[in-house]
PDB file of N, CA and C in Angstrom:
ATOM      1  N   UNK A   1      15.651   7.343   9.540  1.00  0.00           N
ATOM      2  CA  UNK A   1      14.327   6.475   8.981  1.00  0.00           C
ATOM      3  C   UNK A   1      13.188   7.381   9.147  1.00  0.00           C
ATOM      4  N   UNK A   2      12.278   7.302   8.183  1.00  0.00           N
ATOM      5  CA  UNK A   2      10.967   8.163   8.003  1.00  0.00           C
ATOM      6  C   UNK A   2      10.105   7.639   9.305  1.00  0.00           C
ATOM      7  N   UNK A   3       9.135   8.650   9.490  1.00  0.00           N
ATOM      8  CA  UNK A   3       8.181   8.218  10.719  1.00  0.00           C
ATOM      9  C   UNK A   3       7.224   6.888  10.128  1.00  0.00           C
ATOM     10  N   UNK A   4       7.034   6.919   8.823  1.00  0.00           N
ATOM     11  CA  UNK A   4       6.003   5.998   8.296  1.00  0.00           C
ATOM     12  C   UNK A   4       7.056   4.472   8.281  1.00  0.00           C
ATOM     13  N   UNK A   5       8.238   4.575   7.919  1.00  0.00           N
ATOM     14  CA  UNK A   5       8.931   3.380   8.038  1.00  0.00           C
ATOM     15  C   UNK A   5       9.089   2.694   9.392  1.00  0.00           C
ATOM     16  N   UNK A   6       9.170   3.553  10.378  1.00  0.00           N
ATOM     17  CA  UNK A   6       9.604   3.172  11.613  1.00  0.00           C
ATOM     18  C   UNK A   6       8.298   2.596  12.020  1.00  0.00           C
ATOM     19  N   UNK A   7       7.185   3.115  11.763  1.00  0.00           N
ATOM     20  CA  UNK A   7       5.877   2.762  12.202  1.00  0.00           C
ATOM     21  C   UNK A   7       5.475   1.340  11.771  1.00  0.00           C
ATOM     22  N   UNK A   8       5.915   1.491  10.528  1.00  0.00           N
ATOM     23  CA  UNK A   8       5.689  -0.018   9.845  1.00  0.00           C
ATOM     24  C   UNK A   8       6.454  -1.090  10.241  1.00  0.00           C
ATOM     25  N   UNK A   9       7.691  -0.755  10.792  1.00  0.00           N
ATOM     26  CA  UNK A   9       8.770  -1.721  11.434  1.00  0.00           C
ATOM     27  C   UNK A   9       8.016  -2.271  12.418  1.00  0.00           C
ATOM     28  N   UNK A  10       7.454  -1.449  13.370  1.00  0.00           N
ATOM     29  CA  UNK A  10       6.998  -1.697  14.856  1.00  0.00           C
ATOM     30  C   UNK A  10       5.840  -2.333  14.550  1.00  0.00           C
ATOM     31  N   UNK A  11       4.725  -2.274  13.507  1.00  0.00           N
ATOM     32  CA  UNK A  11       3.596  -3.012  13.419  1.00  0.00           C
ATOM     33  C   UNK A  11       3.849  -4.269  12.881  1.00  0.00           C
ATOM     34  N   UNK A  12       5.050  -4.376  12.139  1.00  0.00           N
ATOM     35  CA  UNK A  12       5.429  -5.849  11.871  1.00  0.00           C
ATOM     36  C   UNK A  12       6.030  -6.525  13.124  1.00  0.00           C
ATOM     37  N   UNK A  13       6.881  -5.988  13.594  1.00  0.00           N
ATOM     38  CA  UNK A  13       7.433  -6.659  15.063  1.00  0.00           C
ATOM     39  C   UNK A  13       6.061  -6.785  15.984  1.00  0.00           C
ATOM     40  N   UNK A  14       4.943  -6.197  16.017  1.00  0.00           N
ATOM     41  CA  UNK A  14       3.883  -6.565  16.766  1.00  0.00           C
ATOM     42  C   UNK A  14       3.130  -7.936  16.206  1.00  0.00           C
ATOM     43  N   UNK A  15       3.563  -8.256  15.197  1.00  0.00           N
ATOM     44  CA  UNK A  15       2.963  -9.665  14.453  1.00  0.00           C
ATOM     45  C   UNK A  15       3.786 -10.734  15.236  1.00  0.00           C
ATOM     46  N   UNK A  16       3.085 -11.594  15.978  1.00  0.00           N
ATOM     47  CA  UNK A  16       3.666 -12.416  16.737  1.00  0.00           C
ATOM     48  C   UNK A  16       3.081 -13.936  16.554  1.00  0.00           C
ATOM     49  N   UNK A  17       3.691 -14.767  17.205  1.00  0.00           N
ATOM     50  CA  UNK A  17       3.324 -16.219  17.098  1.00  0.00           C
ATOM     51  C   UNK A  17       2.006 -16.587  17.867  1.00  0.00           C
ATOM     52  N   UNK A  18       1.528 -15.961  18.718  1.00  0.00           N
ATOM     53  CA  UNK A  18       0.339 -16.028  19.390  1.00  0.00           C
ATOM     54  C   UNK A  18      -0.888 -15.001  18.874  1.00  0.00           C
ATOM     55  N   UNK A  19      -2.018 -15.645  18.600  1.00  0.00           N
ATOM     56  CA  UNK A  19      -2.880 -14.692  18.429  1.00  0.00           C
ATOM     57  C   UNK A  19      -3.460 -13.646  19.236  1.00  0.00           C
ATOM     58  N   UNK A  20      -3.481 -14.019  20.703  1.00  0.00           N
ATOM     59  CA  UNK A  20      -3.636 -13.241  21.577  1.00  0.00           C
ATOM     60  C   UNK A  20      -2.633 -12.029  21.701  1.00  0.00           C
ATOM     61  N   UNK A  21      -1.622 -12.252  21.506  1.00  0.00           N
ATOM     62  CA  UNK A  21      -0.741 -11.034  21.397  1.00  0.00           C
ATOM     63  C   UNK A  21      -0.906 -10.216  20.286  1.00  0.00           C
ATOM     64  N   UNK A  22      -1.189 -10.939  19.037  1.00  0.00           N
ATOM     65  CA  UNK A  22      -1.575 -10.016  17.927  1.00  0.00           C
ATOM     66  C   UNK A  22      -2.757  -9.012  18.311  1.00  0.00           C
ATOM     67  N   UNK A  23      -3.641  -9.553  19.241  1.00  0.00           N
ATOM     68  CA  UNK A  23      -4.934  -8.753  19.207  1.00  0.00           C
ATOM     69  C   UNK A  23      -4.555  -8.014  20.305  1.00  0.00           C
ATOM     70  N   UNK A  24      -3.674  -8.008  21.275  1.00  0.00           N
ATOM     71  CA  UNK A  24      -3.266  -7.158  22.383  1.00  0.00           C
ATOM     72  C   UNK A  24      -2.458  -5.869  21.633  1.00  0.00           C
ATOM     73  N   UNK A  25      -1.522  -6.194  20.779  1.00  0.00           N
ATOM     74  CA  UNK A  25      -0.578  -5.443  20.225  1.00  0.00           C
ATOM     75  C   UNK A  25      -1.289  -4.409  19.138  1.00  0.00           C
ATOM     76  N   UNK A  26      -2.214  -5.298  18.514  1.00  0.00           N
ATOM     77  CA  UNK A  26      -2.873  -4.383  17.304  1.00  0.00           C
ATOM     78  C   UNK A  26      -3.823  -3.418  18.131  1.00  0.00           C
ATOM     79  N   UNK A  27      -4.344  -3.740  19.070  1.00  0.00           N
ATOM     80  CA  UNK A  27      -5.207  -2.703  19.921  1.00  0.00           C
ATOM     81  C   UNK A  27      -4.423  -1.528  20.458  1.00  0.00           C
ATOM     82  N   UNK A  28      -3.168  -1.873  21.022  1.00  0.00           N
ATOM     83  CA  UNK A  28      -2.257  -0.816  21.533  1.00  0.00           C
ATOM     84  C   UNK A  28      -1.853  -0.227  20.668  1.00  0.00           C
ATOM     85  N   UNK A  29      -1.339  -0.475  19.206  1.00  0.00           N
ATOM     86  CA  UNK A  29      -0.828   0.424  18.408  1.00  0.00           C
ATOM     87  C   UNK A  29      -2.042   1.151  17.822  1.00  0.00           C
ATOM     88  N   UNK A  30      -3.373   0.823  17.635  1.00  0.00           N
ATOM     89  CA  UNK A  30      -4.532   1.717  17.281  1.00  0.00           C
ATOM     90  C   UNK A  30      -4.852   2.515  18.521  1.00  0.00           C
ATOM     91  N   UNK A  31      -4.777   2.307  19.586  1.00  0.00           N
ATOM     92  CA  UNK A  31      -5.301   3.071  20.796  1.00  0.00           C
ATOM     93  C   UNK A  31      -4.333   3.866  21.733  1.00  0.00           C
ATOM     94  N   UNK A  32      -3.032   3.372  21.745  1.00  0.00           N
ATOM     95  CA  UNK A  32      -2.008   4.039  22.760  1.00  0.00           C
ATOM     96  C   UNK A  32      -0.719   4.442  22.220  1.00  0.00           C
ATOM     97  N   UNK A  33      -0.396   3.607  21.141  1.00  0.00           N
ATOM     98  CA  UNK A  33       0.997   3.927  20.588  1.00  0.00           C
ATOM     99  C   UNK A  33       1.187   5.388  20.149  1.00  0.00           C
ATOM    100  N   UNK A  34       0.522   5.913  19.660  1.00  0.00           N
ATOM    101  CA  UNK A  34       0.604   7.451  19.147  1.00  0.00           C
ATOM    102  C   UNK A  34       0.756   8.155  20.153  1.00  0.00           C
ATOM    103  N   UNK A  35       0.167   8.134  21.417  1.00  0.00           N
ATOM    104  CA  UNK A  35       0.427   9.148  22.624  1.00  0.00           C
ATOM    105  C   UNK A  35       1.529   8.991  23.513  1.00  0.00           C
ATOM    106  N   UNK A  36       2.377   7.960  23.058  1.00  0.00           N
ATOM    107  CA  UNK A  36       3.634   7.480  23.807  1.00  0.00           C
ATOM    108  C   UNK A  36       4.724   8.750  23.439  1.00  0.00           C
ATOM    109  N   UNK A  37       5.591   9.242  24.459  1.00  0.00           N
ATOM    110  CA  UNK A  37       6.716   9.964  24.108  1.00  0.00           C
ATOM    111  C   UNK A  37       7.639   9.329  23.139  1.00  0.00           C
ATOM    112  N   UNK A  38       8.585   9.747  22.718  1.00  0.00           N
ATOM    113  CA  UNK A  38       9.710   9.157  21.991  1.00  0.00           C
ATOM    114  C   UNK A  38      10.507   8.063  22.689  1.00  0.00           C
ATOM    115  N   UNK A  39      10.800   8.601  23.916  1.00  0.00           N
ATOM    116  CA  UNK A  39      11.278   7.450  24.697  1.00  0.00           C
ATOM    117  C   UNK A  39      10.297   6.118  25.112  1.00  0.00           C
ATOM    118  N   UNK A  40       9.337   6.515  25.431  1.00  0.00           N
ATOM    119  CA  UNK A  40       8.270   5.389  25.448  1.00  0.00           C
ATOM    120  C   UNK A  40       8.186   4.758  24.325  1.00  0.00           C
ATOM    121  N   UNK A  41       8.148   5.213  23.181  1.00  0.00           N
ATOM    122  CA  UNK A  41       8.352   4.446  21.968  1.00  0.00           C
ATOM    123  C   UNK A  41       9.433   3.563  21.691  1.00  0.00           C
ATOM    124  N   UNK A  42      10.433   4.100  21.948  1.00  0.00           N
ATOM    125  CA  UNK A  42      11.879   3.160  22.008  1.00  0.00           C
ATOM    126  C   UNK A  42      11.808   2.308  22.800  1.00  0.00           C
ATOM    127  N   UNK A  43      11.133   2.433  24.147  1.00  0.00           N
ATOM    128  CA  UNK A  43      11.113   1.232  25.220  1.00  0.00           C
ATOM    129  C   UNK A  43      10.125   0.239  24.600  1.00  0.00           C
ATOM    130  N   UNK A  44       8.987   0.693  23.898  1.00  0.00           N
ATOM    131  CA  UNK A  44       8.219  -0.397  23.270  1.00  0.00           C
ATOM    132  C   UNK A  44       8.550  -1.311  22.315  1.00  0.00           C
ATOM    133  N   UNK A  45       9.635  -0.629  21.363  1.00  0.00           N
ATOM    134  CA  UNK A  45      10.151  -1.341  20.451  1.00  0.00           C
ATOM    135  C   UNK A  45      11.328  -2.349  21.048  1.00  0.00           C
ATOM    136  N   UNK A  46      11.930  -1.905  22.032  1.00  0.00           N
ATOM    137  CA  UNK A  46      12.909  -2.838  23.052  1.00  0.00           C
ATOM    138  C   UNK A  46      12.030  -4.048  23.844  1.00  0.00           C
ATOM    139  N   UNK A  47      10.818  -3.303  24.143  1.00  0.00           N
ATOM    140  CA  UNK A  47      10.023  -4.640  24.750  1.00  0.00           C
ATOM    141  C   UNK A  47       9.571  -5.544  23.944  1.00  0.00           C
ATOM    142  N   UNK A  48       9.270  -5.338  22.740  1.00  0.00           N
ATOM    143  CA  UNK A  48       9.052  -6.489  21.583  1.00  0.00           C
ATOM    144  C   UNK A  48       9.968  -7.416  21.301  1.00  0.00           C
ATOM    145  N   UNK A  49      11.267  -7.171  21.677  1.00  0.00           N
ATOM    146  CA  UNK A  49      12.082  -8.212  21.608  1.00  0.00           C
ATOM    147  C   UNK A  49      11.928  -9.652  22.505  1.00  0.00           C
ATOM    148  N   UNK A  50      11.285  -9.278  23.434  1.00  0.00           N
ATOM    149  CA  UNK A  50      11.096 -10.115  24.589  1.00  0.00           C
ATOM    150  C   UNK A  50      10.421 -11.445  23.912  1.00  0.00           C
ATOM    151  N   UNK A  51      10.408 -12.657  24.393  1.00  0.00           N
ATOM    152  CA  UNK A  51       9.685 -13.881  24.013  1.00  0.00           C
ATOM    153  C   UNK A  51       8.275 -13.692  24.091  1.00  0.00           C
ATOM    154  N   UNK A  52       7.712 -14.577  23.089  1.00  0.00           N
ATOM    155  CA  UNK A  52       6.012 -14.502  23.308  1.00  0.00           C
ATOM    156  C   UNK A  52       5.561 -15.022  24.433  1.00  0.00           C
ATOM    157  N   UNK A  53       6.091 -16.237  25.206  1.00  0.00           N
ATOM    158  CA  UNK A  53       5.509 -16.732  26.380  1.00  0.00           C
ATOM    159  C   UNK A  53       5.776 -15.658  27.324  1.00  0.00           C
ATOM    160  N   UNK A  54       6.838 -14.771  27.393  1.00  0.00           N
ATOM    161  CA  UNK A  54       7.239 -13.944  28.543  1.00  0.00           C
ATOM    162  C   UNK A  54       6.221 -12.882  28.257  1.00  0.00           C
ATOM    163  N   UNK A  55       5.998 -12.440  27.237  1.00  0.00           N
ATOM    164  CA  UNK A  55       4.997 -11.293  26.733  1.00  0.00           C
ATOM    165  C   UNK A  55       3.518 -11.471  27.309  1.00  0.00           C
ATOM    166  N   UNK A  56       3.115 -12.751  26.828  1.00  0.00           N
ATOM    167  CA  UNK A  56       1.858 -13.232  26.981  1.00  0.00           C
ATOM    168  C   UNK A  56       1.560 -13.321  28.796  1.00  0.00           C
ATOM    169  N   UNK A  57       2.644 -14.044  29.349  1.00  0.00           N
ATOM    170  CA  UNK A  57       2.271 -14.177  30.828  1.00  0.00           C
ATOM    171  C   UNK A  57       2.390 -12.890  31.339  1.00  0.00           C
ATOM    172  N   UNK A  58       3.067 -11.786  31.128  1.00  0.00           N
ATOM    173  CA  UNK A  58       3.269 -10.538  31.734  1.00  0.00           C
ATOM    174  C   UNK A  58       2.052  -9.739  31.520  1.00  0.00           C
ATOM    175  N   UNK A  59       1.417  -9.696  30.046  1.00  0.00           N
ATOM    176  CA  UNK A  59       0.496  -8.972  29.846  1.00  0.00           C
ATOM    177  C   UNK A  59      -1.165  -9.648  30.197  1.00  0.00           C
ATOM    178  N   UNK A  60      -0.959 -10.905  30.651  1.00  0.00           N
ATOM    179  CA  UNK A  60      -2.145 -11.458  31.113  1.00  0.00           C
ATOM    180  C   UNK A  60      -2.240 -11.345  32.606  1.00  0.00           C
ATOM    181  N   UNK A  61      -1.033 -10.906  33.245  1.00  0.00           N
ATOM    182  CA  UNK A  61      -1.087 -10.841  34.773  1.00  0.00           C
ATOM    183  C   UNK A  61      -0.555 -12.278  35.372  1.00  0.00           C
ATOM    184  N   UNK A  62      -0.205 -13.189  34.549  1.00  0.00           N
ATOM    185  CA  UNK A  62       0.222 -14.530  35.362  1.00  0.00           C
ATOM    186  C   UNK A  62       1.626 -14.517  36.058  1.00  0.00           C
ATOM    187  N   UNK A  63       2.489 -13.574  35.491  1.00  0.00           N
ATOM    188  CA  UNK A  63       3.704 -13.375  36.126  1.00  0.00           C
ATOM    189  C   UNK A  63       4.133 -11.733  36.003  1.00  0.00           C
ATOM    190  N   UNK A  64       4.913 -11.408  36.614  1.00  0.00           N
ATOM    191  CA  UNK A  64       5.575 -10.183  36.543  1.00  0.00           C
ATOM    192  C   UNK A  64       6.906  -9.899  35.807  1.00  0.00           C
ATOM    193  N   UNK A  65       7.003  -8.871  35.092  1.00  0.00           N
ATOM    194  CA  UNK A  65       8.354  -8.626  34.190  1.00  0.00           C
ATOM    195  C   UNK A  65       9.504  -8.472  35.644  1.00  0.00           C
ATOM    196  N   UNK A  66      10.598  -8.873  35.142  1.00  0.00           N
ATOM    197  CA  UNK A  66      11.761  -8.641  36.014  1.00  0.00           C
ATOM    198  C   UNK A  66      12.506  -7.402  36.003  1.00  0.00           C
ATOM    199  N   UNK A  67      12.253  -6.691  34.951  1.00  0.00           N
ATOM    200  CA  UNK A  67      12.991  -5.141  34.926  1.00  0.00           C
ATOM    201  C   UNK A  67      11.996  -4.027  34.930  1.00  0.00           C
ATOM    202  N   UNK A  68      12.274  -2.863  35.367  1.00  0.00           N
ATOM    203  CA  UNK A  68      11.431  -1.783  35.785  1.00  0.00           C
ATOM    204  C   UNK A  68      10.828  -1.504  34.463  1.00  0.00           C
ATOM    205  N   UNK A  69      11.760  -1.281  33.206  1.00  0.00           N
ATOM    206  CA  UNK A  69      11.332  -0.894  31.852  1.00  0.00           C
ATOM    207  C   UNK A  69       9.958  -1.702  31.308  1.00  0.00           C
ATOM    208  N   UNK A  70      10.225  -3.168  31.521  1.00  0.00           N
ATOM    209  CA  UNK A  70       9.148  -4.049  30.771  1.00  0.00           C
ATOM    210  C   UNK A  70       8.002  -3.732  31.916  1.00  0.00           C
ATOM    211  N   UNK A  71       8.194  -3.830  33.286  1.00  0.00           N
ATOM    212  CA  UNK A  71       6.857  -3.319  34.034  1.00  0.00           C
ATOM    213  C   UNK A  71       6.230  -2.276  33.901  1.00  0.00           C
ATOM    214  N   UNK A  72       6.776  -1.388  33.453  1.00  0.00           N
ATOM    215  CA  UNK A  72       6.177   0.103  33.055  1.00  0.00           C
ATOM    216  C   UNK A  72       5.393  -0.220  31.677  1.00  0.00           C
ATOM    217  N   UNK A  73       5.986  -0.945  30.844  1.00  0.00           N
ATOM    218  CA  UNK A  73       5.403  -1.158  29.387  1.00  0.00           C
ATOM    219  C   UNK A  73       4.031  -1.886  29.479  1.00  0.00           C
ATOM    220  N   UNK A  74       4.154  -2.906  30.524  1.00  0.00           N
ATOM    221  CA  UNK A  74       3.123  -3.721  30.642  1.00  0.00           C
ATOM    222  C   UNK A  74       2.011  -2.946  31.167  1.00  0.00           C
ATOM    223  N   UNK A  75       2.327  -2.349  32.080  1.00  0.00           N
ATOM    224  CA  UNK A  75       1.353  -1.433  32.783  1.00  0.00           C
ATOM    225  C   UNK A  75       0.627  -0.379  31.741  1.00  0.00           C
ATOM    226  N   UNK A  76       1.342  -0.016  30.958  1.00  0.00           N
ATOM    227  CA  UNK A  76       1.162   1.173  29.714  1.00  0.00           C
ATOM    228  C   UNK A  76       0.026   0.456  29.081  1.00  0.00           C
ATOM    229  N   UNK A  77       0.513  -0.803  28.219  1.00  0.00           N
ATOM    230  CA  UNK A  77      -0.307  -1.605  27.628  1.00  0.00           C
ATOM    231  C   UNK A  77      -1.615  -1.881  28.059  1.00  0.00           C
ATOM    232  N   UNK A  78      -1.591  -2.588  29.156  1.00  0.00           N
ATOM    233  CA  UNK A  78      -2.865  -2.973  30.017  1.00  0.00           C
ATOM    234  C   UNK A  78      -3.782  -1.884  30.158  1.00  0.00           C
ATOM    235  N   UNK A  79      -3.160  -0.674  30.519  1.00  0.00           N
ATOM    236  CA  UNK A  79      -4.034   0.815  30.498  1.00  0.00           C
ATOM    237  C   UNK A  79      -4.801   1.216  29.543  1.00  0.00           C
ATOM    238  N   UNK A  80      -4.334   0.782  28.300  1.00  0.00           N
ATOM    239  CA  UNK A  80      -4.862   1.266  27.056  1.00  0.00           C
ATOM    240  C   UNK A  80      -5.955   0.240  26.566  1.00  0.00           C
ATOM    241  N   UNK A  81      -5.917  -1.014  27.259  1.00  0.00           N
ATOM    242  CA  UNK A  81      -6.988  -1.859  26.635  1.00  0.00           C
ATOM    243  C   UNK A  81      -8.216  -1.597  26.812  1.00  0.00           C
ATOM    244  N   UNK A  82      -9.138  -1.932  25.917  1.00  0.00           N
ATOM    245  CA  UNK A  82     -10.520  -1.860  25.946  1.00  0.00           C
ATOM    246  C   UNK A  82     -10.988  -2.805  26.960  1.00  0.00           C
ATOM    247  N   UNK A  83     -12.332  -2.593  27.635  1.00  0.00           N
ATOM    248  CA  UNK A  83     -12.652  -3.169  28.779  1.00  0.00           C
ATOM    249  C   UNK A  83     -14.042  -3.686  27.872  1.00  0.00           C
ATOM    250  N   UNK A  84     -13.937  -4.841  28.073  1.00  0.00           N
ATOM    251  CA  UNK A  84     -15.282  -5.629  27.530  1.00  0.00           C
ATOM    252  C   UNK A  84     -16.518  -5.991  28.642  1.00  0.00           C
TER     253      UNK A  84
END
């Protein structure tokens, strides 16, 4: 799969049922994704398989993810968020 096709698929997977997640993932795709290693990019794709309620609660800090890969991805995404 070409890089542009892969990126398009990931951007599509970032479109969620919650507007808040759409904002978070859109910002991450613009400001953090391209700096990830190939392994981290694969981990992000796997991370997106989680349910919207889980992703939202982890990213907002209401709950902590249960596996180490998801915990690291949450930290990485939160670290790239713009501060208002």
